[in-house]
Amino acid sequence: MNEYQLCAAISELFGDLLDQFKDAGEYGFNHRTGRTIQRLGYCTNLTPELIEQAKDKQVDFIITHHDAWEFIFGMKEECLKRLQNYRIGHFYVHLPLDYAEFGTCNSLFKEIGNVAIIKQSQHVNGTSTIGIGELTSSISFDDFTARVADVLHEDIKAWPYGQSMVKRIGMITGAGSNTNEIRSAKEQHCDVYMTGEKSLYTIQYAKFAGINLLVGSHTFTEIFGVRSFAQKLQAAYPSIELVYLAEEHFE
């Protein structure tokens, strides 16, 4: 796969979502090399450590969900320098991946298993609406928590503020700590609200509203969407090899 073919595949996969977020800094190339892409690395974030890992694994191109954050002062400049020095290409896709049919929310529902997607997360009036899924049958909140922890391969935080049995799940992957998202889950009769970040107010409101709360990490609630994106590219160009760039569980 070359970069021209990559661009064509991105346009086909994301369609109107690219137009919706055009010039908003929600997707783009940080570095293009013109090299043929044989080994495609993927991960949620872009950091100097992950670029070093990509170099060691002989990756030609990296796709991520997040760009290197500019408010982590100096890190984006360091990432760009290493991408250029190692001749590794990079493309990030943020909100379009959150709202794609194969994106972060739907991919996590799929990974949890036995979940019918009732409502897809969307971008409405400048904010994310929750995704909603339903388990094929009710299970205890403790069992659901254990299932999600197994999927994410990390310790997760759980607050049993609602019914002991759960079936309907409201979700925002990544940064879904706002109380309005929990309120939306409650109003749409969800038994549990699940996300990748929390604050004091997240917990207080879940307790007040009487809804179970489950919080994993920002990174690992979103990695399955990036993997789905990578797999879509591989399906279009079977000659490429996918390389997972492993991130730390430190959140």
Foldseek 3Di string as FASTA:
>chain_A
DWVVVVVVLVCVQLPCVCVVCPPVPQKDKLDHQRDDFAEEEEFAEQFPVLLVVCLVVVGQEYEHADQHDVVVPPGNVVSSVSCVVSNHIYMHHHVSQQQGPLHLQNLLQVLLPQKDWDAGWDQDPRDIAWTKIFHPDKDFPVVSLVSSCVSLVHDKDKDQQADRIFTMETEDEAPPADLVNVVNCVVVPGQEYEYADYDPVSVVSCNVSRHMYIYHHNGRSGGSSRVSVVVSVCVVPVSHHYDYRDDDRDD
